[in-house]
Amino acid sequence: MLEKAKLIEILPNKSNHEFLTESLNNDISSGKHIFLFIFMDGCEPCNQTKPQWKNIKKHFKHHDNSDIVVASINQLLFKKLNKSGSEPMGYPCLRYIKHPNTEEYEDSEISDKDRSTESFIEWIKSKTGDNNVKIKRIMGGKMGGKMMGGRKTKHNKNKKGGKWSLKYKRSINCRHPKGFSQKQHCKYGRKPKTLRRK
């Protein structure tokens, strides 16, 4: 019988974290394909990426390949890993390890690096050369300002202006501004009455 791909989560508050860390070290030394999600407690981007990373296991449910290990590890335990590259510069850190090489997710050659489950699966396929991993499209929901399921929302980066309506701006009394923002508006943002249209 073929072994299934390994999916593990290593947390410092779980009693088996030492065993799992040692097992992951053995997998790294044996030259398996390791896909590592390194997160930090209290990190909001990490918390947003975790559900997408955990969804990978749905794609590996019936996948027989014992050379692939998908793991998430708390940054406190990362120091106990051998041959896993340098300490991450920021979190979350998504890293591919195939002893002796390491590569960050952001440096990979896949086209869409939006930290969605689909992009993670694409990354795994690009590294392992395994086309048996099925990508199931997940429709609906938002992730990082992009619609999942193939569609992307467009953001106008050149848009000027912002929060205040024209009616509100005109209602500001620049002789007695209320608060810092209104003072800044009166000092820099308000056009003289002679230049304004009526």
N, C-alpha and C. Protein backbone atom coordinates (compact mmCIF):
# COMPACT_ATOMS: atom_id res chain seq x y z
N MET A 1 0.84 -1.19 0.00
CA MET A 1 0.00 0.00 0.00
C MET A 1 0.89 1.25 0.00
N LEU A 2 0.52 2.23 -0.81
CA LEU A 2 1.28 3.47 -0.88
C LEU A 2 0.98 4.36 0.31
N GLU A 3 1.99 5.08 0.75
CA GLU A 3 1.79 6.02 1.86
C GLU A 3 1.20 7.32 1.33
N LYS A 4 0.41 7.96 2.16
CA LYS A 4 -0.18 9.24 1.78
C LYS A 4 0.79 10.37 2.09
N ALA A 5 0.55 11.51 1.44
CA ALA A 5 1.35 12.70 1.74
C ALA A 5 1.13 13.08 3.19
N LYS A 6 2.17 13.57 3.84
CA LYS A 6 2.11 13.90 5.26
C LYS A 6 1.64 15.34 5.45
N LEU A 7 0.69 15.55 6.35
CA LEU A 7 0.18 16.88 6.67
C LEU A 7 0.26 17.04 8.19
N ILE A 8 1.16 17.92 8.66
CA ILE A 8 1.34 18.05 10.11
C ILE A 8 1.30 19.51 10.54
N GLU A 9 0.91 19.69 11.80
CA GLU A 9 0.91 21.02 12.42
C GLU A 9 1.65 20.90 13.75
N ILE A 10 2.68 21.74 13.92
CA ILE A 10 3.52 21.66 15.12
C ILE A 10 3.32 22.92 15.95
N LEU A 11 2.75 22.75 17.14
CA LEU A 11 2.47 23.87 18.05
C LEU A 11 3.19 23.63 19.37
N PRO A 12 3.71 24.70 20.00
CA PRO A 12 4.46 24.51 21.25
C PRO A 12 3.60 24.04 22.41
N ASN A 13 2.29 24.29 22.36
CA ASN A 13 1.44 23.90 23.49
C ASN A 13 0.92 22.46 23.37
N LYS A 14 1.25 21.76 22.28
CA LYS A 14 0.85 20.36 22.14
C LYS A 14 1.95 19.46 22.69
N SER A 15 1.54 18.37 23.32
CA SER A 15 2.51 17.50 23.99
C SER A 15 3.42 16.75 23.01
N ASN A 16 2.98 16.57 21.77
CA ASN A 16 3.77 15.80 20.82
C ASN A 16 4.66 16.67 19.93
N HIS A 17 4.88 17.94 20.29
CA HIS A 17 5.64 18.82 19.40
C HIS A 17 7.10 18.38 19.22
N GLU A 18 7.70 17.78 20.24
CA GLU A 18 9.09 17.33 20.10
C GLU A 18 9.18 16.15 19.13
N PHE A 19 8.23 15.24 19.23
CA PHE A 19 8.21 14.09 18.31
C PHE A 19 7.99 14.55 16.87
N LEU A 20 7.03 15.48 16.67
CA LEU A 20 6.74 15.98 15.32
C LEU A 20 7.92 16.75 14.74
N THR A 21 8.61 17.53 15.58
CA THR A 21 9.78 18.28 15.13
C THR A 21 10.88 17.33 14.69
N GLU A 22 11.11 16.28 15.48
CA GLU A 22 12.13 15.28 15.13
C GLU A 22 11.75 14.54 13.85
N SER A 23 10.47 14.23 13.70
CA SER A 23 9.99 13.56 12.49
C SER A 23 10.20 14.45 11.26
N LEU A 24 9.92 15.75 11.41
CA LEU A 24 10.13 16.69 10.31
C LEU A 24 11.62 16.82 9.98
N ASN A 25 12.47 16.82 10.99
CA ASN A 25 13.92 16.84 10.76
C ASN A 25 14.37 15.61 9.95
N ASN A 26 13.80 14.45 10.27
CA ASN A 26 14.13 13.23 9.53
C ASN A 26 13.67 13.33 8.08
N ASP A 27 12.47 13.91 7.88
CA ASP A 27 11.95 14.08 6.52
C ASP A 27 12.83 15.03 5.71
N ILE A 28 13.32 16.10 6.35
CA ILE A 28 14.20 17.06 5.67
C ILE A 28 15.50 16.37 5.28
N SER A 29 16.09 15.62 6.22
CA SER A 29 17.36 14.92 5.96
C SER A 29 17.23 13.87 4.87
N SER A 30 16.06 13.24 4.77
CA SER A 30 15.88 12.17 3.78
C SER A 30 15.61 12.72 2.38
N GLY A 31 15.49 14.05 2.24
CA GLY A 31 15.34 14.64 0.91
C GLY A 31 13.92 14.72 0.39
N LYS A 32 12.94 14.67 1.28
CA LYS A 32 11.55 14.79 0.85
C LYS A 32 11.24 16.24 0.48
N HIS A 33 10.13 16.42 -0.24
CA HIS A 33 9.65 17.76 -0.58
C HIS A 33 8.91 18.30 0.64
N ILE A 34 9.46 19.31 1.29
CA ILE A 34 8.87 19.89 2.50
C ILE A 34 8.30 21.26 2.14
N PHE A 35 7.03 21.47 2.42
CA PHE A 35 6.38 22.77 2.25
C PHE A 35 6.01 23.26 3.64
N LEU A 36 6.65 24.33 4.06
CA LEU A 36 6.59 24.77 5.45
C LEU A 36 5.91 26.13 5.56
N PHE A 37 4.94 26.21 6.45
CA PHE A 37 4.26 27.46 6.78
C PHE A 37 4.71 27.83 8.19
N ILE A 38 5.52 28.89 8.30
CA ILE A 38 6.05 29.31 9.61
C ILE A 38 5.24 30.52 10.04
N PHE A 39 4.59 30.42 11.19
CA PHE A 39 3.73 31.50 11.65
C PHE A 39 4.12 31.95 13.05
N MET A 40 3.60 33.11 13.41
CA MET A 40 3.87 33.68 14.73
C MET A 40 2.53 33.95 15.40
N ASP A 41 2.45 33.69 16.69
CA ASP A 41 1.22 33.96 17.44
C ASP A 41 0.94 35.46 17.44
N GLY A 42 -0.31 35.82 17.22
CA GLY A 42 -0.71 37.23 17.24
C GLY A 42 -0.44 37.97 15.95
N CYS A 43 0.00 37.27 14.92
CA CYS A 43 0.30 37.88 13.61
C CYS A 43 -0.96 37.80 12.76
N GLU A 44 -1.54 38.95 12.42
CA GLU A 44 -2.80 38.98 11.67
C GLU A 44 -2.65 38.39 10.26
N PRO A 45 -1.59 38.73 9.49
CA PRO A 45 -1.43 38.07 8.19
C PRO A 45 -1.30 36.55 8.30
N CYS A 46 -0.67 36.08 9.39
CA CYS A 46 -0.56 34.63 9.61
C CYS A 46 -1.95 34.03 9.82
N ASN A 47 -2.76 34.70 10.63
CA ASN A 47 -4.11 34.21 10.90
C ASN A 47 -4.97 34.20 9.65
N GLN A 48 -4.74 35.15 8.73
CA GLN A 48 -5.49 35.18 7.48
C GLN A 48 -5.04 34.08 6.52
N THR A 49 -3.78 33.69 6.59
CA THR A 49 -3.23 32.69 5.68
C THR A 49 -3.49 31.26 6.17
N LYS A 50 -3.62 31.06 7.49
CA LYS A 50 -3.78 29.72 8.07
C LYS A 50 -4.92 28.91 7.44
N PRO A 51 -6.15 29.47 7.32
CA PRO A 51 -7.24 28.67 6.74
C PRO A 51 -6.94 28.22 5.31
N GLN A 52 -6.30 29.09 4.53
CA GLN A 52 -5.96 28.74 3.15
C GLN A 52 -4.94 27.60 3.13
N TRP A 53 -3.99 27.65 4.06
CA TRP A 53 -2.96 26.61 4.15
C TRP A 53 -3.58 25.28 4.59
N LYS A 54 -4.50 25.35 5.56
CA LYS A 54 -5.14 24.12 6.07
C LYS A 54 -6.02 23.47 5.01
N ASN A 55 -6.54 24.26 4.06
CA ASN A 55 -7.37 23.70 2.99
C ASN A 55 -6.58 22.81 2.05
N ILE A 56 -5.26 22.88 2.09
CA ILE A 56 -4.43 22.03 1.23
C ILE A 56 -4.74 20.56 1.49
N LYS A 57 -5.04 20.20 2.75
CA LYS A 57 -5.25 18.78 3.06
C LYS A 57 -6.45 18.20 2.32
N LYS A 58 -7.43 19.04 1.94
CA LYS A 58 -8.57 18.54 1.15
C LYS A 58 -8.10 18.04 -0.21
N HIS A 59 -7.08 18.67 -0.75
CA HIS A 59 -6.56 18.29 -2.06
C HIS A 59 -5.68 17.04 -1.98
N PHE A 60 -5.19 16.72 -0.79
CA PHE A 60 -4.32 15.57 -0.61
C PHE A 60 -5.05 14.38 0.02
N LYS A 61 -6.37 14.46 0.14
CA LYS A 61 -7.13 13.43 0.82
C LYS A 61 -6.88 12.04 0.21
N HIS A 62 -6.88 11.96 -1.11
CA HIS A 62 -6.71 10.67 -1.78
C HIS A 62 -5.40 10.62 -2.56
N HIS A 63 -4.44 11.40 -2.12
CA HIS A 63 -3.18 11.53 -2.86
C HIS A 63 -2.12 10.63 -2.23
N ASP A 64 -1.55 9.75 -3.03
CA ASP A 64 -0.53 8.82 -2.54
C ASP A 64 0.85 9.29 -2.99
N ASN A 65 1.54 9.97 -2.11
CA ASN A 65 2.92 10.37 -2.37
C ASN A 65 3.58 10.68 -1.03
N SER A 66 4.36 9.74 -0.55
CA SER A 66 4.98 9.90 0.77
C SER A 66 6.17 10.84 0.73
N ASP A 67 6.55 11.33 -0.47
CA ASP A 67 7.68 12.25 -0.57
C ASP A 67 7.28 13.70 -0.34
N ILE A 68 5.99 13.97 -0.17
CA ILE A 68 5.52 15.34 0.05
C ILE A 68 5.10 15.49 1.51
N VAL A 69 5.64 16.53 2.16
CA VAL A 69 5.27 16.85 3.54
C VAL A 69 4.82 18.31 3.57
N VAL A 70 3.58 18.53 4.00
CA VAL A 70 3.04 19.87 4.15
C VAL A 70 2.91 20.12 5.64
N ALA A 71 3.63 21.11 6.15
CA ALA A 71 3.68 21.32 7.60
C ALA A 71 3.50 22.79 7.94
N SER A 72 2.89 23.03 9.08
CA SER A 72 2.86 24.38 9.65
C SER A 72 3.52 24.30 11.01
N ILE A 73 4.35 25.29 11.30
CA ILE A 73 5.12 25.26 12.55
C ILE A 73 5.16 26.65 13.16
N ASN A 74 5.02 26.71 14.47
CA ASN A 74 5.12 27.97 15.20
C ASN A 74 6.57 28.43 15.17
N GLN A 75 6.77 29.74 15.04
CA GLN A 75 8.13 30.28 14.92
C GLN A 75 8.99 29.98 16.14
N LEU A 76 8.39 29.73 17.30
CA LEU A 76 9.17 29.38 18.49
C LEU A 76 9.87 28.03 18.32
N LEU A 77 9.25 27.14 17.54
CA LEU A 77 9.82 25.80 17.34
C LEU A 77 10.67 25.71 16.08
N PHE A 78 10.65 26.75 15.24
CA PHE A 78 11.42 26.72 13.99
C PHE A 78 12.91 26.53 14.26
N LYS A 79 13.40 27.09 15.36
CA LYS A 79 14.83 27.00 15.68
C LYS A 79 15.28 25.56 15.89
N LYS A 80 14.34 24.67 16.20
CA LYS A 80 14.68 23.26 16.43
C LYS A 80 14.79 22.46 15.14
N LEU A 81 14.42 23.07 14.01
CA LEU A 81 14.53 22.37 12.73
C LEU A 81 15.95 22.47 12.19
N ASN A 82 16.45 21.38 11.67
CA ASN A 82 17.79 21.35 11.07
C ASN A 82 17.69 21.53 9.56
N LYS A 83 18.67 22.20 8.98
CA LYS A 83 18.77 22.33 7.52
C LYS A 83 17.51 22.91 6.90
N SER A 84 16.89 23.87 7.58
CA SER A 84 15.65 24.45 7.07
C SER A 84 15.81 25.90 6.65
N GLY A 85 17.04 26.35 6.51
CA GLY A 85 17.28 27.72 6.07
C GLY A 85 17.41 28.67 7.25
N SER A 86 17.61 29.93 6.91
CA SER A 86 17.82 30.95 7.95
C SER A 86 16.50 31.34 8.60
N GLU A 87 16.61 32.08 9.69
CA GLU A 87 15.44 32.59 10.41
C GLU A 87 14.64 33.49 9.46
N PRO A 88 13.32 33.34 9.40
CA PRO A 88 12.51 34.18 8.50
C PRO A 88 12.65 35.67 8.81
N MET A 89 12.60 36.48 7.77
CA MET A 89 12.68 37.94 7.93
C MET A 89 11.33 38.51 8.36
N GLY A 90 10.24 37.85 7.99
CA GLY A 90 8.90 38.30 8.35
C GLY A 90 7.95 37.12 8.39
N TYR A 91 6.75 37.37 8.90
CA TYR A 91 5.77 36.29 9.04
C TYR A 91 4.47 36.70 8.38
N PRO A 92 3.74 35.75 7.79
CA PRO A 92 4.05 34.34 7.69
C PRO A 92 5.16 34.10 6.67
N CYS A 93 5.89 33.03 6.88
CA CYS A 93 6.95 32.63 5.95
C CYS A 93 6.54 31.29 5.36
N LEU A 94 6.48 31.23 4.05
CA LEU A 94 6.14 30.00 3.34
C LEU A 94 7.41 29.54 2.63
N ARG A 95 7.86 28.34 2.96
CA ARG A 95 9.18 27.91 2.49
C ARG A 95 9.12 26.49 1.95
N TYR A 96 9.84 26.29 0.85
CA TYR A 96 10.01 24.96 0.26
C TYR A 96 11.42 24.48 0.59
N ILE A 97 11.51 23.26 1.11
CA ILE A 97 12.81 22.69 1.48
C ILE A 97 12.97 21.35 0.77
N LYS A 98 14.02 21.24 -0.01
CA LYS A 98 14.43 19.96 -0.61
C LYS A 98 15.92 19.92 -0.38
N HIS A 99 16.33 19.21 0.66
CA HIS A 99 17.71 19.23 1.13
C HIS A 99 18.69 19.10 -0.03
N PRO A 100 19.64 19.98 -0.20
CA PRO A 100 20.12 21.05 0.67
C PRO A 100 19.56 22.43 0.32
N ASN A 101 18.58 22.53 -0.58
CA ASN A 101 18.09 23.84 -1.05
C ASN A 101 16.82 24.27 -0.32
N THR A 102 16.66 25.59 -0.22
CA THR A 102 15.41 26.17 0.31
C THR A 102 14.99 27.29 -0.62
N GLU A 103 13.67 27.52 -0.68
CA GLU A 103 13.14 28.61 -1.50
C GLU A 103 11.90 29.18 -0.83
N GLU A 104 11.80 30.50 -0.82
CA GLU A 104 10.62 31.16 -0.27
C GLU A 104 9.50 31.15 -1.31
N TYR A 105 8.27 31.12 -0.85
CA TYR A 105 7.09 31.14 -1.72
C TYR A 105 7.10 32.39 -2.61
N GLU A 106 7.49 33.53 -2.04
CA GLU A 106 7.50 34.78 -2.79
C GLU A 106 8.53 34.76 -3.92
N ASP A 107 9.55 33.92 -3.80
CA ASP A 107 10.59 33.83 -4.84
C ASP A 107 10.31 32.74 -5.87
N SER A 108 9.19 32.05 -5.73
CA SER A 108 8.89 30.93 -6.64
C SER A 108 8.49 31.45 -8.02
N GLU A 109 8.42 30.54 -8.98
CA GLU A 109 8.14 30.91 -10.36
C GLU A 109 6.67 30.86 -10.72
N ILE A 110 5.77 30.58 -9.78
CA ILE A 110 4.35 30.55 -10.13
C ILE A 110 3.87 31.97 -10.40
N SER A 111 2.84 32.07 -11.23
CA SER A 111 2.40 33.40 -11.67
C SER A 111 1.58 34.13 -10.62
N ASP A 112 0.71 33.43 -9.90
CA ASP A 112 -0.19 34.09 -8.96
C ASP A 112 0.19 33.72 -7.53
N LYS A 113 0.73 34.68 -6.79
CA LYS A 113 1.18 34.42 -5.41
C LYS A 113 0.28 35.14 -4.41
N ASP A 114 -1.02 34.85 -4.48
CA ASP A 114 -1.98 35.58 -3.65
C ASP A 114 -2.30 34.88 -2.33
N ARG A 115 -1.53 33.88 -1.97
CA ARG A 115 -1.71 33.12 -0.72
C ARG A 115 -3.09 32.47 -0.63
N SER A 116 -3.59 32.01 -1.74
CA SER A 116 -4.84 31.25 -1.75
C SER A 116 -4.48 29.76 -1.81
N THR A 117 -5.45 28.91 -1.49
CA THR A 117 -5.21 27.47 -1.54
C THR A 117 -4.78 27.05 -2.94
N GLU A 118 -5.42 27.64 -3.96
CA GLU A 118 -5.08 27.29 -5.34
C GLU A 118 -3.63 27.62 -5.67
N SER A 119 -3.16 28.79 -5.20
CA SER A 119 -1.77 29.15 -5.50
C SER A 119 -0.79 28.26 -4.72
N PHE A 120 -1.17 27.82 -3.51
CA PHE A 120 -0.32 26.90 -2.77
C PHE A 120 -0.22 25.55 -3.49
N ILE A 121 -1.35 25.05 -4.00
CA ILE A 121 -1.35 23.79 -4.74
C ILE A 121 -0.51 23.92 -6.01
N GLU A 122 -0.66 25.05 -6.69
CA GLU A 122 0.13 25.31 -7.90
C GLU A 122 1.63 25.31 -7.58
N TRP A 123 1.98 25.90 -6.44
CA TRP A 123 3.37 25.94 -5.97
C TRP A 123 3.88 24.52 -5.71
N ILE A 124 3.07 23.71 -5.03
CA ILE A 124 3.45 22.33 -4.74
C ILE A 124 3.64 21.54 -6.04
N LYS A 125 2.71 21.73 -6.98
CA LYS A 125 2.83 21.03 -8.27
C LYS A 125 4.08 21.45 -9.02
N SER A 126 4.40 22.75 -8.98
CA SER A 126 5.58 23.24 -9.71
C SER A 126 6.88 22.68 -9.13
N LYS A 127 6.90 22.43 -7.84
CA LYS A 127 8.12 21.93 -7.19
C LYS A 127 8.25 20.41 -7.27
N THR A 128 7.14 19.70 -7.19
CA THR A 128 7.21 18.24 -7.17
C THR A 128 7.07 17.63 -8.56
N GLY A 129 6.54 18.42 -9.51
CA GLY A 129 6.29 17.88 -10.85
C GLY A 129 5.17 16.87 -10.84
N ASP A 130 4.32 16.93 -9.83
CA ASP A 130 3.24 15.97 -9.64
C ASP A 130 1.94 16.59 -10.12
N ASN A 131 1.38 16.06 -11.20
CA ASN A 131 0.13 16.60 -11.73
C ASN A 131 -1.09 15.84 -11.21
N ASN A 132 -0.90 14.91 -10.27
CA ASN A 132 -2.03 14.18 -9.71
C ASN A 132 -2.77 14.98 -8.65
N VAL A 133 -2.16 16.08 -8.20
CA VAL A 133 -2.82 16.92 -7.21
C VAL A 133 -3.88 17.73 -7.93
N LYS A 134 -5.11 17.58 -7.52
CA LYS A 134 -6.22 18.27 -8.18
C LYS A 134 -6.45 19.63 -7.53
N ILE A 135 -6.68 20.63 -8.37
CA ILE A 135 -7.02 21.95 -7.86
C ILE A 135 -8.52 22.11 -7.99
N LYS A 136 -9.19 22.22 -6.86
CA LYS A 136 -10.63 22.41 -6.84
C LYS A 136 -10.88 23.88 -6.59
N ARG A 137 -11.59 24.53 -7.50
CA ARG A 137 -11.87 25.96 -7.37
C ARG A 137 -12.85 26.19 -6.23
N ILE A 138 -12.55 27.16 -5.40
CA ILE A 138 -13.42 27.54 -4.30
C ILE A 138 -14.03 28.87 -4.69
N MET A 139 -15.33 28.91 -4.86
CA MET A 139 -16.00 30.13 -5.30
C MET A 139 -16.46 30.94 -4.09
N GLY A 140 -16.45 32.26 -4.26
CA GLY A 140 -16.94 33.15 -3.22
C GLY A 140 -15.88 33.46 -2.20
N GLY A 141 -16.18 34.42 -1.35
CA GLY A 141 -15.25 34.82 -0.31
C GLY A 141 -14.16 35.71 -0.84
N LYS A 142 -13.48 36.39 0.05
CA LYS A 142 -12.41 37.29 -0.36
C LYS A 142 -11.14 36.88 0.34
N MET A 143 -10.03 37.10 -0.33
CA MET A 143 -8.73 36.84 0.27
C MET A 143 -7.77 37.88 -0.27
N GLY A 144 -7.28 38.75 0.58
CA GLY A 144 -6.29 39.72 0.18
C GLY A 144 -6.75 40.67 -0.90
N GLY A 145 -8.05 41.03 -0.93
CA GLY A 145 -8.54 41.97 -1.92
C GLY A 145 -8.81 41.33 -3.27
N LYS A 146 -8.68 40.04 -3.40
CA LYS A 146 -8.92 39.37 -4.66
C LYS A 146 -10.05 38.38 -4.48
N MET A 147 -10.87 38.26 -5.48
CA MET A 147 -11.93 37.26 -5.44
C MET A 147 -11.32 35.91 -5.76
N MET A 148 -11.66 34.90 -4.99
CA MET A 148 -11.15 33.58 -5.28
C MET A 148 -12.05 32.97 -6.35
N GLY A 149 -11.54 32.03 -7.08
CA GLY A 149 -12.32 31.40 -8.12
C GLY A 149 -11.96 31.93 -9.48
N GLY A 150 -10.83 32.57 -9.62
CA GLY A 150 -10.37 32.99 -10.93
C GLY A 150 -10.57 34.46 -11.23
N ARG A 151 -11.55 35.11 -10.59
CA ARG A 151 -11.79 36.53 -10.85
C ARG A 151 -11.00 37.37 -9.89
N LYS A 152 -10.53 38.50 -10.37
CA LYS A 152 -9.81 39.42 -9.50
C LYS A 152 -10.52 40.76 -9.51
N THR A 153 -10.58 41.39 -8.37
CA THR A 153 -11.15 42.74 -8.33
C THR A 153 -10.05 43.71 -8.69
N LYS A 154 -10.43 44.78 -9.34
CA LYS A 154 -9.45 45.78 -9.73
C LYS A 154 -9.50 46.93 -8.74
N HIS A 155 -8.35 47.41 -8.36
CA HIS A 155 -8.26 48.54 -7.45
C HIS A 155 -7.64 49.69 -8.20
N ASN A 156 -8.27 50.85 -8.12
CA ASN A 156 -7.73 52.03 -8.77
C ASN A 156 -6.73 52.68 -7.83
N LYS A 157 -5.44 52.50 -8.11
CA LYS A 157 -4.41 53.02 -7.23
C LYS A 157 -4.19 54.51 -7.42
N ASN A 158 -4.64 55.05 -8.56
CA ASN A 158 -4.43 56.46 -8.86
C ASN A 158 -5.55 57.34 -8.33
N LYS A 159 -6.53 56.76 -7.69
CA LYS A 159 -7.68 57.52 -7.22
C LYS A 159 -7.24 58.53 -6.17
N LYS A 160 -7.65 59.79 -6.36
CA LYS A 160 -7.33 60.82 -5.39
C LYS A 160 -8.60 61.16 -4.62
N GLY A 161 -8.41 61.86 -3.54
CA GLY A 161 -9.56 62.17 -2.72
C GLY A 161 -9.72 61.09 -1.70
N GLY A 162 -10.88 61.03 -1.11
CA GLY A 162 -10.99 59.98 -0.14
C GLY A 162 -12.24 60.02 0.67
N LYS A 163 -12.05 60.16 1.97
CA LYS A 163 -13.11 59.88 2.92
C LYS A 163 -14.17 60.97 3.00
N TRP A 164 -13.79 62.21 2.83
CA TRP A 164 -14.72 63.30 3.08
C TRP A 164 -15.49 63.67 1.84
N SER A 165 -16.80 63.87 2.01
CA SER A 165 -17.62 64.32 0.88
C SER A 165 -17.40 65.81 0.67
N LEU A 166 -17.73 66.27 -0.51
CA LEU A 166 -17.58 67.68 -0.84
C LEU A 166 -18.46 68.54 0.08
N LYS A 167 -19.65 68.03 0.38
CA LYS A 167 -20.57 68.75 1.27
C LYS A 167 -19.93 68.93 2.65
N TYR A 168 -19.29 67.88 3.16
CA TYR A 168 -18.64 67.96 4.46
C TYR A 168 -17.46 68.93 4.43
N LYS A 169 -16.67 68.86 3.36
CA LYS A 169 -15.52 69.75 3.25
C LYS A 169 -15.95 71.21 3.27
N ARG A 170 -17.03 71.51 2.57
CA ARG A 170 -17.51 72.89 2.52
C ARG A 170 -18.10 73.34 3.85
N SER A 171 -18.53 72.38 4.67
CA SER A 171 -19.14 72.75 5.96
C SER A 171 -18.10 73.03 7.05
N ILE A 172 -16.82 72.75 6.78
CA ILE A 172 -15.78 72.97 7.79
C ILE A 172 -15.53 74.46 7.95
N ASN A 173 -15.59 74.93 9.20
CA ASN A 173 -15.32 76.33 9.51
C ASN A 173 -13.82 76.46 9.77
N CYS A 174 -13.11 77.07 8.82
CA CYS A 174 -11.65 77.16 8.95
C CYS A 174 -11.22 78.22 9.96
N ARG A 175 -12.16 79.05 10.43
CA ARG A 175 -11.80 80.00 11.49
C ARG A 175 -11.69 79.27 12.83
N HIS A 176 -12.48 78.21 12.99
CA HIS A 176 -12.47 77.42 14.23
C HIS A 176 -12.53 75.93 13.87
N PRO A 177 -11.44 75.38 13.32
CA PRO A 177 -11.47 73.96 12.95
C PRO A 177 -11.51 73.07 14.19
N LYS A 178 -12.19 71.93 14.05
CA LYS A 178 -12.30 70.97 15.14
C LYS A 178 -11.33 69.83 14.88
N GLY A 179 -10.29 69.74 15.65
CA GLY A 179 -9.36 68.61 15.55
C GLY A 179 -8.26 68.81 14.52
N PHE A 180 -7.32 67.89 14.57
CA PHE A 180 -6.12 67.95 13.74
C PHE A 180 -6.44 67.85 12.25
N SER A 181 -7.33 66.92 11.89
CA SER A 181 -7.63 66.69 10.47
C SER A 181 -8.25 67.92 9.82
N GLN A 182 -9.17 68.56 10.53
CA GLN A 182 -9.78 69.76 9.96
C GLN A 182 -8.75 70.88 9.85
N LYS A 183 -7.83 70.98 10.82
CA LYS A 183 -6.78 72.00 10.74
C LYS A 183 -5.90 71.75 9.52
N GLN A 184 -5.54 70.49 9.28
CA GLN A 184 -4.73 70.15 8.12
C GLN A 184 -5.47 70.48 6.83
N HIS A 185 -6.77 70.18 6.81
CA HIS A 185 -7.58 70.47 5.62
C HIS A 185 -7.61 71.97 5.35
N CYS A 186 -7.80 72.76 6.40
CA CYS A 186 -7.85 74.21 6.22
C CYS A 186 -6.50 74.78 5.80
N LYS A 187 -5.43 74.21 6.32
CA LYS A 187 -4.10 74.73 6.02
C LYS A 187 -3.62 74.34 4.62
N TYR A 188 -3.89 73.09 4.20
CA TYR A 188 -3.31 72.60 2.95
C TYR A 188 -4.33 72.24 1.87
N GLY A 189 -5.51 71.79 2.25
CA GLY A 189 -6.39 71.17 1.27
C GLY A 189 -7.51 72.04 0.75
N ARG A 190 -7.81 73.15 1.39
CA ARG A 190 -8.97 73.94 1.00
C ARG A 190 -8.57 74.96 -0.04
N LYS A 191 -9.37 75.05 -1.11
CA LYS A 191 -9.12 76.05 -2.14
C LYS A 191 -9.79 77.35 -1.71
N PRO A 192 -9.19 78.48 -2.05
CA PRO A 192 -9.82 79.76 -1.71
C PRO A 192 -11.18 79.89 -2.40
N LYS A 193 -12.09 80.66 -1.80
CA LYS A 193 -13.44 80.79 -2.33
C LYS A 193 -13.44 81.34 -3.75
N THR A 194 -12.49 82.17 -4.09
CA THR A 194 -12.47 82.77 -5.43
C THR A 194 -12.20 81.74 -6.51
N LEU A 195 -11.48 80.68 -6.20
CA LEU A 195 -11.17 79.65 -7.19
C LEU A 195 -12.25 78.59 -7.30
N ARG A 196 -13.09 78.46 -6.26
CA ARG A 196 -14.11 77.42 -6.27
C ARG A 196 -15.28 77.81 -7.15
N ARG A 197 -15.88 76.82 -7.80
CA ARG A 197 -17.10 77.04 -8.58
C ARG A 197 -18.29 77.05 -7.65
N LYS A 198 -19.30 77.78 -8.07
CA LYS A 198 -20.52 77.80 -7.26
C LYS A 198 -21.61 77.03 -7.92
